[in-house]
Every structure is written in C-alpha cells, then in structure tokens.
C-alpha cells in the first residue's frame, strides 16, 4: 500500500487526487463469502485527471484469481453501479 501511495504521488500527470480509506474516510462494501456476508474496505479512492474515480485495492499478481479477491471486485462493481 505504501508503494501504491508513492505511485499516486509521482503520477501527477495522471492522478489529480487520492485518499487512503481509513476510519476517518470510511467505505465499507458488503460481499458474499461462502455462506456468509463479509465487509470489504478498499485501500484507496483515486481521481484521475480525466475525472474518473477509481477504487483501488493492492494485491499481488498471484492473488488476482483468488475467489475472495474476485468476490470483492464483483461487490465493488455492484457498489459503484448503485452509487
């Protein structure tokens, strides 16, 4: 996450603003995990220079196909569609 923050800071030509999601800037997204419902908190909200808003969650390449990561991604897509 620290490395992502460095990338956002150094990408002034592409990133207008970014914020780390914390208790002061909460964002909780519910997602299905097995038979239960869990809460997912993205790492960052990023606004690019074309006014596009991004929810960013840092993951290693080998985690990208994990069922949990895919469930979080799908929940974030539904959340964005709702707001």
N, C-alpha and C. Protein backbone atom coordinates (compact mmCIF):
# COMPACT_ATOMS: atom_id res chain seq x y z
N UNK A 1 0.83 -1.20 0.00
CA UNK A 1 0.00 0.00 0.00
C UNK A 1 0.87 1.26 0.00
N UNK A 2 1.98 1.19 0.71
CA UNK A 2 2.89 2.33 0.71
C UNK A 2 3.41 2.60 -0.70
N UNK A 3 3.75 1.53 -1.41
CA UNK A 3 4.25 1.67 -2.79
C UNK A 3 3.18 2.26 -3.70
N UNK A 4 1.92 1.85 -3.52
CA UNK A 4 0.84 2.44 -4.31
C UNK A 4 0.73 3.94 -4.05
N UNK A 5 0.83 4.34 -2.79
CA UNK A 5 0.76 5.76 -2.46
C UNK A 5 1.90 6.52 -3.14
N UNK A 6 3.09 5.93 -3.17
CA UNK A 6 4.21 6.57 -3.87
C UNK A 6 3.91 6.71 -5.37
N UNK A 7 3.31 5.69 -5.94
CA UNK A 7 2.97 5.74 -7.37
C UNK A 7 1.96 6.85 -7.63
N UNK A 8 0.93 6.94 -6.80
CA UNK A 8 -0.08 8.00 -6.98
C UNK A 8 0.57 9.38 -6.86
N UNK A 9 1.43 9.55 -5.87
CA UNK A 9 2.10 10.84 -5.68
C UNK A 9 2.99 11.22 -6.86
N UNK A 10 3.63 10.24 -7.46
CA UNK A 10 4.56 10.54 -8.54
C UNK A 10 3.88 10.62 -9.91
N UNK A 11 2.58 10.35 -9.97
CA UNK A 11 1.86 10.34 -11.25
C UNK A 11 0.99 11.58 -11.42
N UNK A 12 1.57 12.74 -11.17
CA UNK A 12 0.80 13.99 -11.24
C UNK A 12 0.20 14.23 -12.62
N UNK A 13 0.80 13.66 -13.65
CA UNK A 13 0.25 13.82 -15.00
C UNK A 13 -0.99 12.96 -15.22
N UNK A 14 -1.25 12.00 -14.32
CA UNK A 14 -2.40 11.10 -14.47
C UNK A 14 -3.35 11.13 -13.28
N UNK A 15 -2.83 11.46 -12.09
CA UNK A 15 -3.64 11.40 -10.87
C UNK A 15 -3.85 12.81 -10.31
N UNK A 16 -5.12 13.21 -10.23
CA UNK A 16 -5.43 14.54 -9.67
C UNK A 16 -5.44 14.52 -8.15
N UNK A 17 -6.03 13.47 -7.57
CA UNK A 17 -6.13 13.37 -6.11
C UNK A 17 -6.31 11.91 -5.72
N UNK A 18 -5.91 11.60 -4.50
CA UNK A 18 -6.14 10.26 -3.97
C UNK A 18 -6.28 10.35 -2.46
N UNK A 19 -6.96 9.37 -1.88
CA UNK A 19 -7.12 9.31 -0.43
C UNK A 19 -7.06 7.86 0.02
N UNK A 20 -6.42 7.63 1.13
CA UNK A 20 -6.38 6.32 1.77
C UNK A 20 -7.68 6.15 2.52
N UNK A 21 -8.33 5.00 2.38
CA UNK A 21 -9.56 4.73 3.12
C UNK A 21 -9.17 4.40 4.56
N UNK A 22 -9.75 5.14 5.50
CA UNK A 22 -9.48 4.94 6.94
C UNK A 22 -10.79 5.08 7.70
N UNK A 23 -10.72 5.01 9.00
CA UNK A 23 -11.91 5.25 9.82
C UNK A 23 -12.42 6.67 9.65
N UNK A 24 -11.53 7.60 9.31
CA UNK A 24 -11.95 8.99 9.09
C UNK A 24 -12.60 9.17 7.73
N UNK A 25 -12.27 8.29 6.79
CA UNK A 25 -12.86 8.30 5.45
C UNK A 25 -13.36 6.87 5.19
N UNK A 26 -14.46 6.49 5.84
CA UNK A 26 -14.88 5.08 5.76
C UNK A 26 -15.55 4.74 4.44
N UNK A 27 -15.37 3.51 4.03
CA UNK A 27 -16.04 2.96 2.86
C UNK A 27 -16.11 1.45 3.04
N UNK A 28 -17.26 0.96 3.41
CA UNK A 28 -17.45 -0.46 3.65
C UNK A 28 -18.38 -1.04 2.59
N UNK A 29 -17.94 -2.09 1.92
CA UNK A 29 -18.71 -2.74 0.87
C UNK A 29 -18.93 -4.18 1.30
N UNK A 30 -20.19 -4.59 1.36
CA UNK A 30 -20.50 -5.97 1.74
C UNK A 30 -20.34 -6.88 0.53
N UNK A 31 -19.85 -8.10 0.79
CA UNK A 31 -19.71 -9.10 -0.27
C UNK A 31 -19.97 -10.48 0.31
N UNK A 32 -20.34 -11.39 -0.58
CA UNK A 32 -20.65 -12.77 -0.18
C UNK A 32 -19.36 -13.57 -0.11
N UNK A 33 -19.18 -14.28 0.99
CA UNK A 33 -18.02 -15.15 1.16
C UNK A 33 -18.53 -16.48 1.68
N UNK A 34 -18.62 -17.46 0.79
CA UNK A 34 -19.21 -18.74 1.19
C UNK A 34 -20.68 -18.53 1.53
N UNK A 35 -21.07 -18.97 2.70
CA UNK A 35 -22.47 -18.82 3.13
C UNK A 35 -22.69 -17.52 3.89
N UNK A 36 -21.63 -16.76 4.14
CA UNK A 36 -21.75 -15.55 4.95
C UNK A 36 -21.51 -14.27 4.16
N UNK A 37 -21.81 -13.17 4.83
CA UNK A 37 -21.58 -11.84 4.27
C UNK A 37 -20.43 -11.21 5.04
N UNK A 38 -19.47 -10.67 4.32
CA UNK A 38 -18.33 -10.02 4.94
C UNK A 38 -18.26 -8.58 4.48
N UNK A 39 -17.39 -7.80 5.09
CA UNK A 39 -17.21 -6.41 4.73
C UNK A 39 -15.83 -6.21 4.12
N UNK A 40 -15.81 -5.52 3.00
CA UNK A 40 -14.59 -5.24 2.26
C UNK A 40 -14.33 -3.73 2.33
N UNK A 41 -13.11 -3.34 2.62
CA UNK A 41 -12.72 -1.93 2.67
C UNK A 41 -11.59 -1.73 1.66
N UNK A 42 -11.87 -1.05 0.54
CA UNK A 42 -10.80 -0.79 -0.44
C UNK A 42 -9.67 0.01 0.21
N UNK A 43 -8.49 -0.03 -0.39
CA UNK A 43 -7.35 0.69 0.15
C UNK A 43 -7.40 2.19 -0.15
N UNK A 44 -7.79 2.54 -1.39
CA UNK A 44 -7.73 3.93 -1.82
C UNK A 44 -8.91 4.30 -2.71
N UNK A 45 -9.19 5.59 -2.75
CA UNK A 45 -10.01 6.19 -3.79
C UNK A 45 -9.08 7.13 -4.54
N UNK A 46 -9.07 7.01 -5.87
CA UNK A 46 -8.19 7.81 -6.71
C UNK A 46 -9.05 8.53 -7.75
N UNK A 47 -8.75 9.80 -7.98
CA UNK A 47 -9.40 10.56 -9.05
C UNK A 47 -8.32 10.89 -10.07
N UNK A 48 -8.55 10.44 -11.30
CA UNK A 48 -7.54 10.72 -12.32
C UNK A 48 -7.80 12.08 -12.97
N UNK A 49 -6.91 12.49 -13.83
CA UNK A 49 -7.01 13.82 -14.44
C UNK A 49 -8.13 13.94 -15.47
N UNK A 50 -8.82 12.85 -15.75
CA UNK A 50 -9.97 12.89 -16.63
C UNK A 50 -11.28 12.76 -15.84
N UNK A 51 -11.17 13.02 -14.51
CA UNK A 51 -12.32 12.99 -13.59
C UNK A 51 -12.93 11.61 -13.40
N UNK A 52 -12.17 10.56 -13.67
CA UNK A 52 -12.61 9.19 -13.42
C UNK A 52 -12.24 8.82 -11.98
N UNK A 53 -13.19 8.23 -11.27
CA UNK A 53 -12.96 7.81 -9.89
C UNK A 53 -12.63 6.32 -9.89
N UNK A 54 -11.65 5.94 -9.09
CA UNK A 54 -11.20 4.55 -9.01
C UNK A 54 -11.19 4.08 -7.56
N UNK A 55 -11.69 2.88 -7.31
CA UNK A 55 -11.47 2.20 -6.04
C UNK A 55 -10.26 1.31 -6.27
N UNK A 56 -9.27 1.42 -5.41
CA UNK A 56 -8.02 0.68 -5.61
C UNK A 56 -7.75 -0.21 -4.42
N UNK A 57 -7.46 -1.47 -4.72
CA UNK A 57 -7.09 -2.46 -3.72
C UNK A 57 -5.80 -3.10 -4.20
N UNK A 58 -4.74 -2.94 -3.46
CA UNK A 58 -3.46 -3.53 -3.85
C UNK A 58 -3.44 -5.02 -3.58
N UNK A 59 -3.05 -5.78 -4.59
CA UNK A 59 -2.91 -7.24 -4.47
C UNK A 59 -1.70 -7.69 -5.27
N UNK A 60 -1.10 -8.80 -4.83
CA UNK A 60 -0.02 -9.42 -5.59
C UNK A 60 -0.61 -10.10 -6.83
N UNK A 61 0.19 -10.28 -7.85
CA UNK A 61 -0.28 -10.94 -9.07
C UNK A 61 -0.88 -12.31 -8.79
N UNK A 62 -0.26 -13.08 -7.88
CA UNK A 62 -0.75 -14.43 -7.63
C UNK A 62 -2.05 -14.46 -6.82
N UNK A 63 -2.52 -13.32 -6.34
CA UNK A 63 -3.79 -13.25 -5.61
C UNK A 63 -4.97 -12.89 -6.52
N UNK A 64 -4.69 -12.47 -7.73
CA UNK A 64 -5.73 -11.90 -8.60
C UNK A 64 -6.84 -12.88 -8.96
N UNK A 65 -6.58 -14.17 -8.94
CA UNK A 65 -7.60 -15.15 -9.30
C UNK A 65 -8.23 -15.80 -8.08
N UNK A 66 -7.90 -15.33 -6.90
CA UNK A 66 -8.47 -15.88 -5.67
C UNK A 66 -9.98 -15.61 -5.63
N UNK A 67 -10.75 -16.58 -5.16
CA UNK A 67 -12.20 -16.42 -5.06
C UNK A 67 -12.56 -15.21 -4.21
N UNK A 68 -11.83 -14.99 -3.14
CA UNK A 68 -12.09 -13.86 -2.25
C UNK A 68 -11.88 -12.53 -2.96
N UNK A 69 -10.79 -12.42 -3.70
CA UNK A 69 -10.48 -11.18 -4.43
C UNK A 69 -11.53 -10.94 -5.52
N UNK A 70 -11.93 -11.97 -6.21
CA UNK A 70 -12.95 -11.85 -7.25
C UNK A 70 -14.29 -11.43 -6.64
N UNK A 71 -14.64 -12.00 -5.47
CA UNK A 71 -15.89 -11.62 -4.79
C UNK A 71 -15.86 -10.15 -4.38
N UNK A 72 -14.71 -9.68 -3.90
CA UNK A 72 -14.57 -8.27 -3.53
C UNK A 72 -14.70 -7.37 -4.76
N UNK A 73 -14.04 -7.76 -5.86
CA UNK A 73 -14.13 -6.99 -7.10
C UNK A 73 -15.57 -6.88 -7.58
N UNK A 74 -16.27 -8.01 -7.59
CA UNK A 74 -17.66 -8.01 -8.06
C UNK A 74 -18.54 -7.15 -7.16
N UNK A 75 -18.30 -7.19 -5.85
CA UNK A 75 -19.07 -6.37 -4.91
C UNK A 75 -18.78 -4.89 -5.14
N UNK A 76 -17.53 -4.55 -5.41
CA UNK A 76 -17.18 -3.15 -5.68
C UNK A 76 -17.84 -2.66 -6.96
N UNK A 77 -17.90 -3.51 -7.98
CA UNK A 77 -18.57 -3.13 -9.23
C UNK A 77 -20.05 -2.88 -8.97
N UNK A 78 -20.70 -3.73 -8.19
CA UNK A 78 -22.12 -3.53 -7.85
C UNK A 78 -22.30 -2.24 -7.05
N UNK A 79 -21.39 -1.98 -6.10
CA UNK A 79 -21.48 -0.77 -5.27
C UNK A 79 -21.38 0.47 -6.14
N UNK A 80 -20.41 0.48 -7.06
CA UNK A 80 -20.23 1.63 -7.95
C UNK A 80 -21.50 1.84 -8.78
N UNK A 81 -22.10 0.77 -9.27
CA UNK A 81 -23.32 0.88 -10.04
C UNK A 81 -24.48 1.43 -9.23
N UNK A 82 -24.46 1.18 -7.93
CA UNK A 82 -25.54 1.66 -7.06
C UNK A 82 -25.37 3.13 -6.67
N UNK A 83 -24.12 3.59 -6.61
CA UNK A 83 -23.91 4.98 -6.21
C UNK A 83 -23.72 5.86 -7.41
